[in-house]
C-alpha atoms as a PDB file:
ATOM      1  CA  MET A   1     -12.351 -22.681 -34.553  1.00  0.00           C
ATOM      2  CA  PRO A   2     -13.722 -21.558 -37.953  1.00  0.00           C
ATOM      3  CA  SER A   3     -13.014 -17.843 -38.450  1.00  0.00           C
ATOM      4  CA  PHE A   4     -16.524 -17.055 -39.680  1.00  0.00           C
ATOM      5  CA  GLU A   5     -18.230 -18.097 -36.453  1.00  0.00           C
ATOM      6  CA  TYR A   6     -17.216 -15.116 -34.314  1.00  0.00           C
ATOM      7  CA  PRO A   7     -16.466 -11.443 -34.965  1.00  0.00           C
ATOM      8  CA  SER A   8     -12.704 -10.917 -35.201  1.00  0.00           C
ATOM      9  CA  GLY A   9     -12.518  -9.086 -31.865  1.00  0.00           C
ATOM     10  CA  VAL A  10     -14.320 -11.886 -30.036  1.00  0.00           C
ATOM     11  CA  ARG A  11     -12.181 -14.515 -31.741  1.00  0.00           C
ATOM     12  CA  PHE A  12      -9.020 -12.651 -30.749  1.00  0.00           C
ATOM     13  CA  ALA A  13     -10.189 -12.413 -27.121  1.00  0.00           C
ATOM     14  CA  LEU A  14     -11.074 -16.105 -26.952  1.00  0.00           C
ATOM     15  CA  GLU A  15      -7.692 -17.089 -28.319  1.00  0.00           C
ATOM     16  CA  ASN A  16      -5.600 -14.687 -26.233  1.00  0.00           C
ATOM     17  CA  PHE A  17      -7.420 -13.539 -23.090  1.00  0.00           C
ATOM     18  CA  ILE A  18      -9.600 -16.434 -21.916  1.00  0.00           C
ATOM     19  CA  LYS A  19      -8.241 -19.404 -19.981  1.00  0.00           C
ATOM     20  CA  ALA A  20      -8.228 -22.681 -21.920  1.00  0.00           C
ATOM     21  CA  GLY A  21     -11.209 -24.883 -21.046  1.00  0.00           C
ATOM     22  CA  TYR A  22     -13.180 -22.080 -19.422  1.00  0.00           C
ATOM     23  CA  VAL A  23     -15.751 -21.874 -22.227  1.00  0.00           C
ATOM     24  CA  GLU A  24     -17.350 -24.201 -24.754  1.00  0.00           C
ATOM     25  CA  LEU A  25     -17.533 -22.811 -28.264  1.00  0.00           C
ATOM     26  CA  GLN A  26     -20.207 -22.874 -30.932  1.00  0.00           C
ATOM     27  CA  LYS A  27     -22.372 -25.888 -30.196  1.00  0.00           C
ATOM     28  CA  GLU A  28     -26.004 -26.213 -31.178  1.00  0.00           C
ATOM     29  CA  ASN A  29     -26.901 -28.601 -28.365  1.00  0.00           C
ATOM     30  CA  TYR A  30     -25.801 -28.621 -24.733  1.00  0.00           C
ATOM     31  CA  LEU A  31     -26.706 -31.025 -21.944  1.00  0.00           C
ATOM     32  CA  PHE A  32     -26.584 -29.358 -18.532  1.00  0.00           C
ATOM     33  CA  GLU A  33     -26.490 -31.717 -15.569  1.00  0.00           C
ATOM     34  CA  GLU A  34     -26.711 -31.097 -11.833  1.00  0.00           C
ATOM     35  CA  GLY A  35     -26.617 -33.493  -8.889  1.00  0.00           C
ATOM     36  CA  THR A  36     -28.107 -32.521  -5.521  1.00  0.00           C
ATOM     37  CA  ALA A  37     -29.307 -34.221  -2.349  1.00  0.00           C
ATOM     38  CA  GLU A  38     -32.757 -34.246  -3.952  1.00  0.00           C
ATOM     39  CA  GLY A  39     -31.506 -36.074  -7.041  1.00  0.00           C
ATOM     40  CA  ALA A  40     -30.068 -35.438 -10.488  1.00  0.00           C
ATOM     41  CA  SER A  41     -31.337 -32.971 -13.104  1.00  0.00           C
ATOM     42  CA  LYS A  42     -30.718 -32.862 -16.840  1.00  0.00           C
ATOM     43  CA  LEU A  43     -31.570 -29.959 -19.120  1.00  0.00           C
ATOM     44  CA  ALA A  44     -31.140 -30.276 -22.890  1.00  0.00           C
ATOM     45  CA  ALA A  45     -30.602 -26.809 -24.383  1.00  0.00           C
ATOM     46  CA  LYS A  46     -30.769 -26.067 -28.106  1.00  0.00           C
ATOM     47  CA  VAL A  47     -29.046 -22.761 -28.858  1.00  0.00           C
ATOM     48  CA  ARG A  48     -29.632 -20.927 -32.122  1.00  0.00           C
ATOM     49  CA  GLY A  49     -26.856 -18.916 -33.717  1.00  0.00           C
ATOM     50  CA  VAL A  50     -23.316 -18.086 -32.663  1.00  0.00           C
ATOM     51  CA  ASN A  51     -22.780 -18.813 -28.983  1.00  0.00           C
ATOM     52  CA  ILE A  52     -20.295 -19.200 -26.149  1.00  0.00           C
ATOM     53  CA  CYS A  53     -21.139 -21.353 -23.132  1.00  0.00           C
ATOM     54  CA  ILE A  54     -19.740 -21.541 -19.606  1.00  0.00           C
ATOM     55  CA  CYS A  55     -20.914 -24.855 -18.124  1.00  0.00           C
ATOM     56  CA  ASN A  56     -20.801 -25.734 -14.425  1.00  0.00           C
ATOM     57  CA  VAL A  57     -19.755 -22.230 -13.450  1.00  0.00           C
ATOM     58  CA  ASP A  58     -19.267 -23.062  -9.770  1.00  0.00           C
ATOM     59  CA  ALA A  59     -16.592 -25.621 -10.631  1.00  0.00           C
ATOM     60  CA  LYS A  60     -14.414 -23.127 -12.519  1.00  0.00           C
ATOM     61  CA  HIS A  61     -15.408 -19.719 -11.236  1.00  0.00           C
ATOM     62  CA  ILE A  62     -12.751 -17.312  -9.980  1.00  0.00           C
ATOM     63  CA  LYS A  63     -14.064 -14.149  -8.378  1.00  0.00           C
ATOM     64  CA  CYS A  64     -12.401 -10.762  -8.710  1.00  0.00           C
ATOM     65  CA  PRO A  65     -10.301 -10.076  -5.585  1.00  0.00           C
ATOM     66  CA  PHE A  66     -12.104  -6.801  -4.875  1.00  0.00           C
ATOM     67  CA  VAL A  67     -15.573  -8.390  -4.531  1.00  0.00           C
ATOM     68  CA  SER A  68     -17.022  -8.215  -1.020  1.00  0.00           C
ATOM     69  CA  GLU A  69     -17.048 -11.499   0.896  1.00  0.00           C
ATOM     70  CA  GLU A  70     -20.028 -10.459   3.031  1.00  0.00           C
ATOM     71  CA  LYS A  71     -22.188 -13.591   2.901  1.00  0.00           C
ATOM     72  CA  SER A  72     -25.495 -11.746   3.170  1.00  0.00           C
ATOM     73  CA  LEU A  73     -24.776 -10.078  -0.200  1.00  0.00           C
ATOM     74  CA  GLY A  74     -24.130 -13.369  -2.004  1.00  0.00           C
ATOM     75  CA  LEU A  75     -21.543 -11.856  -4.341  1.00  0.00           C
ATOM     76  CA  LYS A  76     -19.431 -15.023  -4.292  1.00  0.00           C
ATOM     77  CA  LYS A  77     -22.336 -17.042  -5.708  1.00  0.00           C
ATOM     78  CA  SER A  78     -23.099 -17.828  -9.338  1.00  0.00           C
ATOM     79  CA  VAL A  79     -25.748 -19.499 -11.444  1.00  0.00           C
ATOM     80  CA  ASP A  80     -25.065 -23.008 -12.735  1.00  0.00           C
ATOM     81  CA  HIS A  81     -24.650 -22.394 -16.477  1.00  0.00           C
ATOM     82  CA  ILE A  82     -24.222 -19.339 -18.701  1.00  0.00           C
ATOM     83  CA  ILE A  83     -24.660 -18.779 -22.441  1.00  0.00           C
ATOM     84  CA  PHE A  84     -23.662 -15.804 -24.586  1.00  0.00           C
ATOM     85  CA  GLN A  85     -25.648 -15.826 -27.814  1.00  0.00           C
ATOM     86  CA  CYS A  86     -25.448 -13.595 -30.891  1.00  0.00           C
ATOM     87  CA  ASP A  87     -28.675 -13.323 -32.858  1.00  0.00           C
ATOM     88  CA  GLU A  88     -29.078 -12.881 -36.636  1.00  0.00           C
ATOM     89  CA  SER A  89     -28.932  -9.089 -36.344  1.00  0.00           C
ATOM     90  CA  GLY A  90     -25.624  -9.201 -34.494  1.00  0.00           C
ATOM     91  CA  VAL A  91     -27.100  -8.421 -31.057  1.00  0.00           C
ATOM     92  CA  TRP A  92     -25.603 -10.316 -28.124  1.00  0.00           C
ATOM     93  CA  HIS A  93     -27.787 -11.882 -25.429  1.00  0.00           C
ATOM     94  CA  LEU A  94     -26.795 -13.258 -22.036  1.00  0.00           C
ATOM     95  CA  HIS A  95     -28.657 -16.294 -20.643  1.00  0.00           C
ATOM     96  CA  LEU A  96     -28.259 -17.217 -16.954  1.00  0.00           C
ATOM     97  CA  LEU A  97     -29.489 -20.707 -16.011  1.00  0.00           C
ATOM     98  CA  GLU A  98     -30.020 -21.987 -12.475  1.00  0.00           C
ATOM     99  CA  MET A  99     -31.141 -25.564 -11.779  1.00  0.00           C
ATOM    100  CA  LYS A 100     -33.303 -26.291  -8.725  1.00  0.00           C
ATOM    101  CA  THR A 101     -35.606 -29.050  -7.550  1.00  0.00           C
ATOM    102  CA  THR A 102     -37.886 -27.004  -5.296  1.00  0.00           C
ATOM    103  CA  VAL A 103     -38.465 -23.251  -5.404  1.00  0.00           C
ATOM    104  CA  GLY A 104     -39.908 -21.205  -2.547  1.00  0.00           C
ATOM    105  CA  THR A 105     -39.271 -17.964  -0.683  1.00  0.00           C
ATOM    106  CA  LEU A 106     -35.815 -18.900   0.589  1.00  0.00           C
ATOM    107  CA  THR A 107     -34.806 -20.525  -2.695  1.00  0.00           C
ATOM    108  CA  TRP A 108     -35.925 -17.492  -4.687  1.00  0.00           C
ATOM    109  CA  HIS A 109     -33.825 -15.225  -2.462  1.00  0.00           C
ATOM    110  CA  ASP A 110     -30.813 -17.442  -3.241  1.00  0.00           C
ATOM    111  CA  ILE A 111     -31.582 -17.464  -6.985  1.00  0.00           C
ATOM    112  CA  LYS A 112     -31.821 -13.665  -7.060  1.00  0.00           C
ATOM    113  CA  GLN A 113     -28.420 -13.334  -5.405  1.00  0.00           C
ATOM    114  CA  LYS A 114     -26.868 -15.795  -7.854  1.00  0.00           C
ATOM    115  CA  VAL A 115     -28.369 -13.991 -10.838  1.00  0.00           C
ATOM    116  CA  ARG A 116     -27.184 -10.598  -9.601  1.00  0.00           C
ATOM    117  CA  ALA A 117     -23.630 -11.821  -8.932  1.00  0.00           C
ATOM    118  CA  SER A 118     -23.453 -13.602 -12.295  1.00  0.00           C
ATOM    119  CA  TYR A 119     -24.844 -10.526 -14.061  1.00  0.00           C
ATOM    120  CA  MET A 120     -21.967  -8.420 -12.730  1.00  0.00           C
ATOM    121  CA  ASP A 121     -19.371 -11.123 -13.439  1.00  0.00           C
ATOM    122  CA  MET A 122     -20.545 -11.615 -17.007  1.00  0.00           C
ATOM    123  CA  LYS A 123     -20.756  -7.904 -17.759  1.00  0.00           C
ATOM    124  CA  ALA A 124     -17.057  -7.820 -16.876  1.00  0.00           C
ATOM    125  CA  PHE A 125     -16.408 -10.978 -18.914  1.00  0.00           C
ATOM    126  CA  ALA A 126     -18.135  -9.330 -21.878  1.00  0.00           C
ATOM    127  CA  VAL A 127     -15.593  -6.500 -21.675  1.00  0.00           C
ATOM    128  CA  PHE A 128     -12.815  -9.063 -22.178  1.00  0.00           C
ATOM    129  CA  LEU A 129     -14.701 -10.425 -25.198  1.00  0.00           C
ATOM    130  CA  GLY A 130     -15.250  -6.932 -26.584  1.00  0.00           C
ATOM    131  CA  ILE A 131     -19.028  -7.329 -26.799  1.00  0.00           C
ATOM    132  CA  ASP A 132     -21.864  -5.159 -25.526  1.00  0.00           C
ATOM    133  CA  ILE A 133     -24.651  -6.755 -23.505  1.00  0.00           C
ATOM    134  CA  ARG A 134     -27.643  -4.479 -23.025  1.00  0.00           C
ATOM    135  CA  ASN A 135     -29.774  -5.060 -19.940  1.00  0.00           C
ATOM    136  CA  GLU A 136     -32.885  -5.749 -22.025  1.00  0.00           C
ATOM    137  CA  ASN A 137     -31.023  -8.688 -23.594  1.00  0.00           C
ATOM    138  CA  ILE A 138     -30.254 -10.455 -20.322  1.00  0.00           C
ATOM    139  CA  HIS A 139     -32.482 -13.447 -19.518  1.00  0.00           C
ATOM    140  CA  ALA A 140     -32.646 -15.689 -16.454  1.00  0.00           C
ATOM    141  CA  TYR A 141     -34.027 -19.247 -16.273  1.00  0.00           C
ATOM    142  CA  THR A 142     -34.790 -21.619 -13.410  1.00  0.00           C
ATOM    143  CA  THR A 143     -35.480 -25.322 -13.772  1.00  0.00           C
ATOM    144  CA  PHE A 144     -37.707 -26.820 -11.083  1.00  0.00           C
ATOM    145  CA  GLU A 145     -39.921 -29.739 -10.155  1.00  0.00           C
ATOM    146  CA  ASN A 146     -41.982 -28.133  -7.392  1.00  0.00           C
ATOM    147  CA  ALA A 147     -42.844 -24.518  -6.603  1.00  0.00           C
ATOM    148  CA  LYS A 148     -44.044 -23.705  -3.102  1.00  0.00           C
ATOM    149  CA  SER A 149     -46.904 -21.291  -2.540  1.00  0.00           C
ATOM    150  CA  THR A 150     -45.491 -20.036   0.776  1.00  0.00           C
ATOM    151  CA  THR A 151     -44.809 -16.346   1.271  1.00  0.00           C
ATOM    152  CA  LEU A 152     -42.336 -14.504   3.448  1.00  0.00           C
ATOM    153  CA  ALA A 153     -44.833 -14.523   6.304  1.00  0.00           C
ATOM    154  CA  ASP A 154     -44.336 -18.291   6.465  1.00  0.00           C
ATOM    155  CA  THR A 155     -40.558 -18.048   6.908  1.00  0.00           C
ATOM    156  CA  THR A 156     -38.520 -17.483  10.054  1.00  0.00           C
ATOM    157  CA  ASN A 157     -35.465 -15.803   8.514  1.00  0.00           C
ATOM    158  CA  PRO A 158     -35.591 -12.121   9.572  1.00  0.00           C
ATOM    159  CA  SER A 159     -32.743 -11.150   7.206  1.00  0.00           C
ATOM    160  CA  LEU A 160     -35.131 -11.540   4.272  1.00  0.00           C
ATOM    161  CA  TYR A 161     -37.261  -8.680   5.550  1.00  0.00           C
ATOM    162  CA  LYS A 162     -34.449  -6.160   5.087  1.00  0.00           C
ATOM    163  CA  ALA A 163     -34.845  -3.395   2.532  1.00  0.00           C
ATOM    164  CA  PRO A 164     -32.266  -0.872   1.321  1.00  0.00           C
ATOM    165  CA  LEU A 165     -32.004   2.182   3.586  1.00  0.00           C
ATOM    166  CA  GLY A 166     -34.834   4.591   2.942  1.00  0.00           C
ATOM    167  CA  LYS A 167     -36.837   2.137   0.835  1.00  0.00           C
ATOM    168  CA  GLU A 168     -39.940   0.096   1.605  1.00  0.00           C
ATOM    169  CA  TYR A 169     -39.682  -3.685   1.552  1.00  0.00           C
ATOM    170  CA  THR A 170     -41.750  -5.508  -1.054  1.00  0.00           C
ATOM    171  CA  GLU A 171     -41.913  -9.276  -1.118  1.00  0.00           C
ATOM    172  CA  PRO A 172     -40.486 -10.670  -4.379  1.00  0.00           C
ATOM    173  CA  TYR A 173     -41.809 -14.231  -4.131  1.00  0.00           C
ATOM    174  CA  PRO A 174     -44.158 -15.410  -5.513  1.00  0.00           C
ATOM    175  CA  LYS A 175     -44.928 -12.257  -7.557  1.00  0.00           C
ATOM    176  CA  GLU A 176     -41.681 -12.252  -9.556  1.00  0.00           C
ATOM    177  CA  TRP A 177     -41.784 -16.025 -10.010  1.00  0.00           C
ATOM    178  CA  ASN A 178     -45.361 -15.980 -11.303  1.00  0.00           C
ATOM    179  CA  GLU A 179     -45.033 -12.890 -13.505  1.00  0.00           C
ATOM    180  CA  GLY A 180     -41.763 -13.796 -15.226  1.00  0.00           C
ATOM    181  CA  PHE A 181     -39.172 -11.299 -14.051  1.00  0.00           C
ATOM    182  CA  ILE A 182     -36.402 -10.747 -11.505  1.00  0.00           C
ATOM    183  CA  ASN A 183     -35.661  -7.421  -9.858  1.00  0.00           C
ATOM    184  CA  MET A 184     -31.950  -7.384  -9.106  1.00  0.00           C
ATOM    185  CA  ASP A 185     -31.122  -5.308  -6.047  1.00  0.00           C
ATOM    186  CA  PHE A 186     -29.000  -2.315  -6.934  1.00  0.00           C
ATOM    187  CA  ASP A 187     -29.447   1.329  -5.914  1.00  0.00           C
ATOM    188  CA  ALA A 188     -32.231   1.360  -8.515  1.00  0.00           C
ATOM    189  CA  PRO A 189     -33.677  -2.160  -9.035  1.00  0.00           C
ATOM    190  CA  LEU A 190     -32.811  -3.641 -12.414  1.00  0.00           C
ATOM    191  CA  ARG A 191     -35.509  -5.840 -13.929  1.00  0.00           C
ATOM    192  CA  ILE A 192     -34.681  -8.688 -16.307  1.00  0.00           C
ATOM    193  CA  SER A 193     -36.863 -11.415 -17.779  1.00  0.00           C
ATOM    194  CA  HIS A 194     -37.165 -14.802 -16.094  1.00  0.00           C
ATOM    195  CA  LYS A 195     -38.460 -18.083 -17.498  1.00  0.00           C
ATOM    196  CA  LYS A 196     -39.575 -21.097 -15.462  1.00  0.00           C
ATOM    197  CA  ILE A 197     -38.641 -24.494 -16.900  1.00  0.00           C
ATOM    198  CA  GLN A 198     -40.738 -27.335 -15.493  1.00  0.00           C
ATOM    199  CA  MET A 199     -38.812 -30.579 -14.936  1.00  0.00           C
ATOM    200  CA  THR A 200     -40.415 -34.026 -14.839  1.00  0.00           C
ATOM    201  CA  ARG A 201     -39.380 -37.601 -13.997  1.00  0.00           C
ATOM    202  CA  SER A 202     -40.127 -40.654 -16.111  1.00  0.00           C
ATOM    203  CA  THR A 203     -40.248 -42.726 -12.897  1.00  0.00           C
ATOM    204  CA  PRO A 204     -40.216 -41.695  -9.217  1.00  0.00           C
ATOM    205  CA  LYS A 205     -36.471 -42.363  -8.901  1.00  0.00           C
ATOM    206  CA  ALA A 206     -35.443 -41.156 -12.356  1.00  0.00           C
ATOM    207  CA  PRO A 207     -33.519 -37.901 -12.914  1.00  0.00           C
ATOM    208  CA  LEU A 208     -35.467 -34.710 -13.520  1.00  0.00           C
ATOM    209  CA  GLU A 209     -35.421 -33.826 -17.212  1.00  0.00           C
ATOM    210  CA  SER A 210     -36.560 -31.052 -19.513  1.00  0.00           C
ATOM    211  CA  SER A 211     -35.484 -29.055 -22.576  1.00  0.00           C
ATOM    212  CA  VAL A 212     -35.320 -25.457 -23.685  1.00  0.00           C
ATOM    213  CA  ILE A 213     -34.704 -23.604 -26.962  1.00  0.00           C
ATOM    214  CA  ILE A 214     -32.656 -20.419 -26.681  1.00  0.00           C
END
């Protein structure tokens, strides 16, 4: 690993604190692939500047032992792929990528839980790397082929109607999806940016494909 690519503290952490094979280092182009019951998806990502990537997070993720296992909270979940990126001014950004085929009310609920859990995981990971990630520099992405127009009124899952004690419930989908943000549920909601990435097929049975520049 060339010494000029990372600040010395980050380089030291990568060499001494992080498990071998957990991250991919300093590539300009990544190909993220997912296979689901609905078919395969491929996202070509071009990343500018110094970066660290965690691909296929689910396959290698180890949760902290103190994290609640309550399924309704979704704290054991994670997004599919994660990129730490340092821009030209030395500011670090965190990119959280989730790959879906269809997005709707239930899917959006799942995405929000994955983003929140990954946000907390990666803030801790950033401590190991010795870097500071400000909330305004955290960005979420979702790849998709179809987006449903249904609202919560069209669902039959009563758990989605729950709001934190003493707070009024507001329906996140499709408002957040259409307006480009995610409110992560904490005591005070934390808003981060969200970008939709439309996927297409070259033929009806071909994999979904798209690209993004980060």
